[in-house]
Amino acid sequence: MRRTLGARIALSILLTLPAAGIGAGTATAAPGPAPVPTPGPGVTAPAAAYALDAELERQLGDRGAGSYLDTRTGELTVAVTDPAAADEVRASGARAQVVERSTAQLEDAMGVLENRAKIPGTSWGIDPSANQVIIEADQSLSVGSLARLRTVAATLGDAVRIQRVPGVFTKEVTGGDAIYGGGYRCSAAFNVVRNNIRYFLTAGHCTNVASSWSAVSGGPRIGVTEGTSFPTDDYGIVRYDGTDVPPGTVNLYNGGYQDILSAADAIVGQSIQKSGSTTKVTSGTVTAVNVTVNYSDGPVYNMVRTTACSAGGDSGGAHFSGSTALGIHSGSSGCSGTSGSAIHQPVREALSVYGVTVY
């Protein structure tokens, strides 16, 4: 379970300067009750789907091309490159789709983009339902940069597709209760434990800028940074002071909290929610995995793209589905109406690196 820093360090760390922060947040958190949105247009991932998805990925190897949840039926659908692999998928109880390109081929296409089109303001990741690499280009790209991106993409044919997105890719801060450090505000993601020592996870671009953290601006210290990774990845870990056991919950901003019992990798097509101290709780759908985001100060890899709304100060927040932790909020290109582009760092990688577990 998660804990309360004076109030409650629910789930995310918002990185914001008092006036102008990393991202576009403000320096004051405004927690306050708010209705919890229903899950996005995606479908709920049953607990068994996470385990089956991971097992089939291992079993299929190079014959696999990713998986997704069918947004009409909720079935786990696995893309494969040959009929024999399709038979294996069906025998496991999942649905099979035979496609042209394997994950390895799509990753080769992303390698070309990495070498020839690593332009700040761009992002790319795999959409298994389309069997394509979806490239996003934000509004900061110059005419020349956009032309360069299109030229490189043209060499990859229909293995890739470019789409423009509103706003500019920035590191933000997403999650639940606000935390403050180094003159910044972030959000705490998930409370975790190792050898009975309690920690919380947040974004690496937050822990890069502060060694100690408090629950209120200028307040007493509640924890110290023990690890950080950004760019390339975007996660960090903070060890709580004292011996209190913070609850393992996420702030729902309606007077309630969501208990977190497990962690998994997100699946394309599933609905998720994001809790953060700026935008509170928002919902969306997972649209791509294995995502590269080219921030102005360095790229991050193997991220997950969603349609959840977020804003500056949400950095480090929690992406979750029911009682399952999925990711740590990294950034987005903004939000238009109810449609956003929140990016998260898969939480299982951070759990593995630090040898901790959610509880």
Protein backbone atom coordinates (compact mmCIF):
# COMPACT_ATOMS: atom_id res chain seq x y z
CA MET A 1 0.00 0.00 0.00
CA ARG A 2 0.94 3.60 -0.40
CA ARG A 3 1.51 6.29 2.09
CA THR A 4 0.74 9.75 3.12
CA LEU A 5 3.28 12.45 3.38
CA GLY A 6 1.53 14.55 5.88
CA ALA A 7 -1.37 14.37 3.54
CA ARG A 8 -0.82 11.34 1.36
CA ILE A 9 1.97 10.59 -1.05
CA ALA A 10 -0.36 8.85 -3.31
CA LEU A 11 0.99 8.29 -6.65
CA SER A 12 3.09 10.66 -8.51
CA ILE A 13 5.78 13.15 -8.49
CA LEU A 14 5.16 16.42 -10.21
CA LEU A 15 8.20 18.21 -11.44
CA THR A 16 7.61 21.95 -11.61
CA LEU A 17 9.64 25.02 -10.80
CA PRO A 18 8.05 27.70 -8.65
CA ALA A 19 7.59 29.81 -11.74
CA ALA A 20 8.72 27.86 -14.78
CA GLY A 21 9.49 24.22 -14.27
CA ILE A 22 10.40 21.14 -16.21
CA GLY A 23 7.28 21.06 -18.26
CA ALA A 24 4.66 23.75 -17.91
CA GLY A 25 3.31 23.23 -14.41
CA THR A 26 2.76 25.66 -11.60
CA ALA A 27 4.34 25.62 -8.20
CA THR A 28 1.22 24.96 -6.19
CA ALA A 29 -0.59 21.67 -6.01
CA ALA A 30 -4.37 21.79 -5.96
CA PRO A 31 -5.49 18.41 -4.70
CA GLY A 32 -9.23 18.56 -3.81
CA PRO A 33 -11.99 16.08 -4.46
CA ALA A 34 -12.91 15.44 -8.07
CA PRO A 35 -15.04 12.83 -9.78
CA VAL A 36 -13.06 9.85 -11.01
CA PRO A 37 -13.46 9.43 -14.76
CA THR A 38 -14.55 6.11 -16.09
CA PRO A 39 -11.92 4.12 -17.96
CA GLY A 40 -11.16 5.27 -21.49
CA PRO A 41 -12.48 3.75 -24.70
CA GLY A 42 -10.07 0.86 -24.36
CA VAL A 43 -11.02 -2.34 -22.59
CA THR A 44 -10.13 -3.61 -19.15
CA ALA A 45 -7.29 -6.11 -19.12
CA PRO A 46 -8.16 -9.18 -17.04
CA ALA A 47 -5.41 -10.27 -14.67
CA ALA A 48 -4.86 -13.45 -16.69
CA ALA A 49 -4.18 -11.43 -19.85
CA TYR A 50 -0.92 -9.99 -18.44
CA ALA A 51 0.50 -13.43 -17.67
CA LEU A 52 -0.65 -14.95 -20.97
CA ASP A 53 0.75 -12.01 -22.92
CA ALA A 54 4.18 -12.39 -21.27
CA GLU A 55 4.20 -16.17 -21.76
CA LEU A 56 3.32 -15.95 -25.47
CA GLU A 57 5.97 -13.30 -26.04
CA ARG A 58 8.60 -15.67 -24.62
CA GLN A 59 7.21 -18.67 -26.50
CA LEU A 60 6.93 -17.06 -29.93
CA GLY A 61 10.22 -15.19 -30.01
CA ASP A 62 10.98 -13.78 -33.46
CA ARG A 63 7.72 -15.15 -34.85
CA GLY A 64 5.73 -12.72 -32.75
CA ALA A 65 4.77 -9.19 -33.74
CA GLY A 66 3.27 -7.86 -30.54
CA SER A 67 -0.15 -8.13 -28.95
CA TYR A 68 -3.17 -6.00 -28.17
CA LEU A 69 -6.63 -6.18 -26.68
CA ASP A 70 -9.43 -6.07 -29.25
CA THR A 71 -11.40 -2.96 -28.28
CA ARG A 72 -14.69 -4.57 -29.33
CA THR A 73 -14.39 -8.01 -27.77
CA GLY A 74 -11.65 -7.57 -25.16
CA GLU A 75 -9.82 -10.62 -26.52
CA LEU A 76 -6.05 -10.77 -26.26
CA THR A 77 -4.94 -10.74 -29.89
CA VAL A 78 -1.40 -11.78 -30.80
CA ALA A 79 0.16 -10.78 -34.11
CA VAL A 80 2.35 -13.50 -35.66
CA THR A 81 4.18 -13.99 -38.92
CA ASP A 82 3.31 -17.59 -39.83
CA PRO A 83 0.33 -19.99 -39.62
CA ALA A 84 2.11 -22.42 -37.28
CA ALA A 85 2.64 -19.64 -34.73
CA ALA A 86 -1.01 -18.70 -35.14
CA ASP A 87 -2.00 -22.24 -34.20
CA GLU A 88 0.11 -22.02 -31.04
CA VAL A 89 -1.58 -18.77 -30.08
CA ARG A 90 -5.07 -20.21 -30.57
CA ALA A 91 -4.15 -23.30 -28.56
CA SER A 92 -3.23 -21.00 -25.65
CA GLY A 93 -6.68 -19.43 -25.69
CA ALA A 94 -5.77 -16.12 -27.36
CA ARG A 95 -6.76 -14.87 -30.79
CA ALA A 96 -4.16 -14.87 -33.59
CA GLN A 97 -3.62 -12.39 -36.42
CA VAL A 98 -1.14 -13.21 -39.18
CA VAL A 99 0.74 -10.06 -40.23
CA GLU A 100 3.47 -9.08 -42.66
CA ARG A 101 6.13 -7.70 -40.30
CA SER A 102 7.63 -9.19 -37.13
CA THR A 103 8.55 -7.18 -34.06
CA ALA A 104 12.20 -7.51 -35.11
CA GLN A 105 11.41 -5.92 -38.49
CA LEU A 106 9.51 -3.07 -36.85
CA GLU A 107 12.42 -2.56 -34.46
CA ASP A 108 14.76 -2.41 -37.47
CA ALA A 109 12.58 0.41 -38.84
CA MET A 110 12.90 2.22 -35.51
CA GLY A 111 16.66 1.72 -35.73
CA VAL A 112 16.66 3.64 -39.02
CA LEU A 113 14.69 6.44 -37.37
CA GLU A 114 17.10 6.42 -34.43
CA ASN A 115 20.10 6.79 -36.75
CA ARG A 116 18.66 9.21 -39.27
CA ALA A 117 15.77 11.10 -37.68
CA LYS A 118 16.43 11.56 -33.95
CA ILE A 119 14.89 15.02 -33.92
CA PRO A 120 13.68 16.73 -30.70
CA GLY A 121 9.90 16.85 -30.82
CA THR A 122 9.47 13.40 -32.37
CA SER A 123 8.38 10.09 -30.94
CA TRP A 124 7.86 6.62 -32.36
CA GLY A 125 6.57 3.30 -31.11
CA ILE A 126 4.96 0.05 -32.20
CA ASP A 127 1.20 -0.34 -32.66
CA PRO A 128 0.74 -4.12 -33.00
CA SER A 129 -2.89 -3.71 -34.09
CA ALA A 130 -1.70 -1.82 -37.18
CA ASN A 131 1.57 -3.78 -37.57
CA GLN A 132 3.30 -0.43 -37.96
CA VAL A 133 5.63 2.00 -36.26
CA ILE A 134 3.59 5.12 -35.51
CA ILE A 135 5.69 8.30 -35.63
CA GLU A 136 4.44 11.40 -33.82
CA ALA A 137 5.73 14.86 -34.69
CA ASP A 138 4.90 17.76 -32.38
CA GLN A 139 4.40 21.43 -33.22
CA SER A 140 8.02 22.41 -32.48
CA LEU A 141 9.36 20.82 -35.69
CA SER A 142 10.58 23.29 -38.27
CA VAL A 143 9.64 22.89 -41.91
CA GLY A 144 13.11 21.52 -42.62
CA SER A 145 12.98 19.02 -39.74
CA LEU A 146 9.55 17.78 -40.77
CA ALA A 147 10.77 17.36 -44.36
CA ARG A 148 13.77 15.37 -43.11
CA LEU A 149 11.49 13.14 -41.02
CA ARG A 150 9.20 12.50 -43.99
CA THR A 151 12.15 11.71 -46.25
CA VAL A 152 13.47 9.09 -43.84
CA ALA A 153 9.98 7.66 -43.28
CA ALA A 154 9.46 7.32 -47.04
CA THR A 155 12.39 4.91 -47.23
CA LEU A 156 10.56 2.60 -44.81
CA GLY A 157 7.36 2.36 -46.83
CA ASP A 158 4.15 1.36 -45.06
CA ALA A 159 6.06 -0.06 -42.09
CA VAL A 160 5.74 3.45 -40.60
CA ARG A 161 3.08 6.14 -40.41
CA ILE A 162 3.53 9.81 -39.41
CA GLN A 163 0.93 11.76 -37.47
CA ARG A 164 1.11 15.33 -36.12
CA VAL A 165 0.24 16.00 -32.48
CA PRO A 166 -0.69 19.26 -30.74
CA GLY A 167 1.71 20.91 -28.31
CA VAL A 168 5.34 20.04 -27.64
CA PHE A 169 6.79 16.92 -26.02
CA THR A 170 7.88 17.94 -22.53
CA LYS A 171 8.77 16.14 -19.34
CA GLU A 172 5.97 16.69 -16.85
CA VAL A 173 4.97 15.15 -13.61
CA THR A 174 2.01 12.86 -13.14
CA GLY A 175 0.67 10.96 -10.22
CA GLY A 176 -1.02 11.57 -6.94
CA ASP A 177 0.24 13.65 -4.05
CA ALA A 178 2.74 16.38 -4.78
CA ILE A 179 6.32 16.13 -3.58
CA TYR A 180 8.88 18.93 -3.54
CA GLY A 181 12.65 18.89 -3.99
CA GLY A 182 15.38 21.14 -5.36
CA GLY A 183 12.87 23.92 -6.02
CA TYR A 184 10.70 21.62 -8.12
CA ARG A 185 7.34 19.95 -7.66
CA CYS A 186 6.69 16.41 -8.83
CA SER A 187 4.32 13.56 -7.97
CA ALA A 188 5.05 10.24 -6.29
CA ALA A 189 4.11 7.14 -8.27
CA PHE A 190 4.01 3.90 -6.27
CA ASN A 191 5.14 2.93 -2.81
CA VAL A 192 7.49 -0.06 -2.83
CA VAL A 193 9.44 -2.18 -0.37
CA ARG A 194 12.75 -4.05 -0.17
CA ASN A 195 13.92 -5.87 2.97
CA ASN A 196 11.24 -4.05 5.00
CA ILE A 197 12.61 -0.66 3.92
CA ARG A 198 9.99 1.60 2.29
CA TYR A 199 10.51 3.72 -0.81
CA PHE A 200 8.49 5.45 -3.50
CA LEU A 201 9.12 5.54 -7.22
CA THR A 202 8.93 8.67 -9.35
CA ALA A 203 10.33 10.03 -12.61
CA GLY A 204 14.09 10.04 -13.12
CA HIS A 205 14.02 13.59 -14.44
CA CYS A 206 12.65 14.51 -10.99
CA THR A 207 15.22 12.61 -8.93
CA ASN A 208 17.98 14.04 -11.16
CA VAL A 209 17.35 17.51 -9.71
CA ALA A 210 16.92 16.85 -5.98
CA SER A 211 18.48 14.73 -3.26
CA SER A 212 15.81 15.28 -0.60
CA TRP A 213 12.03 15.56 -0.78
CA SER A 214 9.18 16.97 1.29
CA ALA A 215 5.40 16.65 1.13
CA VAL A 216 4.84 20.42 1.14
CA SER A 217 6.93 23.23 -0.27
CA GLY A 218 9.52 24.15 2.35
CA GLY A 219 8.26 21.43 4.67
CA PRO A 220 10.19 18.79 6.63
CA ARG A 221 12.07 16.13 4.72
CA ILE A 222 10.21 12.89 4.12
CA GLY A 223 12.76 11.02 2.02
CA VAL A 224 16.06 11.05 0.11
CA THR A 225 16.89 10.07 -3.46
CA GLU A 226 18.69 6.72 -3.63
CA GLY A 227 18.71 6.13 -7.38
CA THR A 228 17.92 7.92 -10.61
CA SER A 229 17.98 7.25 -14.36
CA PHE A 230 17.30 9.87 -17.04
CA PRO A 231 17.63 10.20 -20.01
CA THR A 232 17.46 6.77 -21.73
CA ASP A 233 15.09 5.68 -18.95
CA ASP A 234 12.88 7.84 -16.73
CA TYR A 235 12.65 6.41 -13.21
CA GLY A 236 14.02 7.15 -9.77
CA ILE A 237 13.64 5.88 -6.22
CA VAL A 238 13.33 7.77 -2.93
CA ARG A 239 13.81 6.14 0.48
CA TYR A 240 11.37 7.24 3.17
CA ASP A 241 12.71 8.63 6.43
CA GLY A 242 11.52 6.92 9.61
CA THR A 243 9.90 3.55 10.14
CA ASP A 244 6.25 4.28 9.39
CA VAL A 245 4.62 2.00 6.81
CA PRO A 246 3.04 4.17 4.11
CA PRO A 247 -0.08 2.62 2.55
CA GLY A 248 0.24 1.19 -0.97
CA THR A 249 -2.57 3.16 -2.53
CA VAL A 250 -3.13 5.72 -5.28
CA ASN A 251 -4.99 8.96 -4.67
CA LEU A 252 -8.27 9.02 -6.64
CA TYR A 253 -9.00 12.65 -5.69
CA ASN A 254 -12.59 11.87 -4.73
CA GLY A 255 -11.89 11.06 -1.11
CA GLY A 256 -10.93 7.50 -1.99
CA TYR A 257 -7.78 5.54 -2.81
CA GLN A 258 -6.97 2.62 -5.08
CA ASP A 259 -4.97 -0.17 -3.47
CA ILE A 260 -2.09 -1.42 -5.62
CA LEU A 261 -1.48 -5.16 -5.40
CA SER A 262 0.61 -6.08 -8.44
CA ALA A 263 2.56 -4.72 -11.41
CA ALA A 264 2.45 -5.58 -15.12
CA ASP A 265 3.37 -4.28 -18.56
CA ALA A 266 0.61 -2.36 -20.33
CA ILE A 267 -1.08 -3.92 -23.38
CA VAL A 268 -2.12 -1.90 -26.44
CA GLY A 269 -5.89 -1.37 -26.43
CA GLN A 270 -6.37 -1.52 -22.67
CA SER A 271 -7.89 1.30 -20.64
CA ILE A 272 -5.75 2.97 -17.98
CA GLN A 273 -5.99 5.76 -15.45
CA LYS A 274 -3.43 8.34 -14.42
CA SER A 275 -3.31 10.07 -11.05
CA GLY A 276 -1.35 13.29 -10.71
CA SER A 277 -1.28 16.37 -8.51
CA THR A 278 -1.96 18.77 -11.39
CA THR A 279 -4.62 17.08 -13.51
CA LYS A 280 -5.85 14.71 -10.78
CA VAL A 281 -7.26 11.47 -12.23
CA THR A 282 -7.61 11.16 -15.99
CA SER A 283 -8.25 8.13 -18.15
CA GLY A 284 -7.18 6.91 -21.57
CA THR A 285 -6.18 3.99 -23.76
CA VAL A 286 -2.76 2.45 -24.43
CA THR A 287 -1.91 3.09 -28.11
CA ALA A 288 1.75 2.03 -28.55
CA VAL A 289 4.59 0.22 -26.80
CA ASN A 290 8.38 0.21 -27.22
CA VAL A 291 8.11 3.97 -27.69
CA THR A 292 11.06 6.34 -28.17
CA VAL A 293 10.52 9.98 -27.17
CA ASN A 294 13.08 12.57 -28.23
CA TYR A 295 12.92 15.22 -25.50
CA SER A 296 14.99 18.37 -25.95
CA ASP A 297 17.53 17.15 -23.38
CA GLY A 298 17.77 13.54 -24.45
CA PRO A 299 15.79 10.51 -25.62
CA VAL A 300 13.99 7.90 -23.55
CA TYR A 301 13.34 4.38 -24.84
CA ASN A 302 10.90 1.50 -24.36
CA MET A 303 8.14 3.77 -23.10
CA VAL A 304 4.35 3.40 -23.43
CA ARG A 305 2.06 5.90 -25.20
CA THR A 306 -1.50 6.52 -23.98
CA THR A 307 -4.34 8.97 -24.67
CA ALA A 308 -4.63 10.15 -21.05
CA CYS A 309 -4.51 13.90 -20.34
CA SER A 310 -1.68 15.31 -18.22
CA ALA A 311 0.10 18.58 -17.53
CA GLY A 312 3.28 20.01 -16.05
CA GLY A 313 3.68 18.95 -12.44
CA ASP A 314 2.29 15.47 -13.14
CA SER A 315 5.77 14.02 -13.71
CA GLY A 316 6.48 10.88 -11.74
CA GLY A 317 2.79 10.10 -11.29
CA ALA A 318 1.01 6.78 -11.50
CA HIS A 319 -0.41 5.02 -14.51
CA PHE A 320 -2.52 2.08 -13.36
CA SER A 321 -5.45 -0.19 -14.14
CA GLY A 322 -7.50 -1.23 -11.14
CA SER A 323 -5.09 -2.66 -8.57
CA THR A 324 -2.30 -3.15 -11.14
CA ALA A 325 0.60 -0.68 -11.40
CA LEU A 326 1.62 -0.09 -15.02
CA GLY A 327 3.90 2.93 -15.30
CA ILE A 328 5.52 6.12 -14.03
CA HIS A 329 4.45 9.30 -15.81
CA SER A 330 7.18 10.85 -17.92
CA GLY A 331 5.70 13.55 -20.16
CA SER A 332 3.38 14.36 -23.04
CA SER A 333 2.77 16.76 -25.91
CA GLY A 334 -0.20 18.28 -24.12
CA CYS A 335 -3.92 17.65 -24.06
CA SER A 336 -6.72 18.71 -26.39
CA GLY A 337 -10.11 18.40 -24.74
CA THR A 338 -10.22 14.89 -23.31
CA SER A 339 -7.58 13.50 -25.65
CA GLY A 340 -3.99 13.53 -24.44
CA SER A 341 -0.67 11.83 -25.13
CA ALA A 342 0.65 10.85 -21.71
CA ILE A 343 3.85 8.79 -21.88
CA HIS A 344 4.85 6.40 -19.11
CA GLN A 345 7.95 4.50 -18.11
CA PRO A 346 7.00 0.84 -17.57
CA VAL A 347 7.10 0.29 -13.82
CA ARG A 348 8.33 -3.31 -13.98
CA GLU A 349 11.71 -2.17 -15.29
CA ALA A 350 12.20 0.12 -12.30
CA LEU A 351 11.06 -2.60 -9.89
CA SER A 352 13.61 -4.99 -11.36
CA VAL A 353 16.49 -2.49 -11.37
CA TYR A 354 15.96 -1.53 -7.71
CA GLY A 355 14.92 -4.98 -6.48
CA VAL A 356 11.70 -3.67 -4.95
CA THR A 357 8.05 -4.72 -5.09
CA VAL A 358 4.74 -2.89 -4.89
CA TYR A 359 2.60 -3.75 -1.90
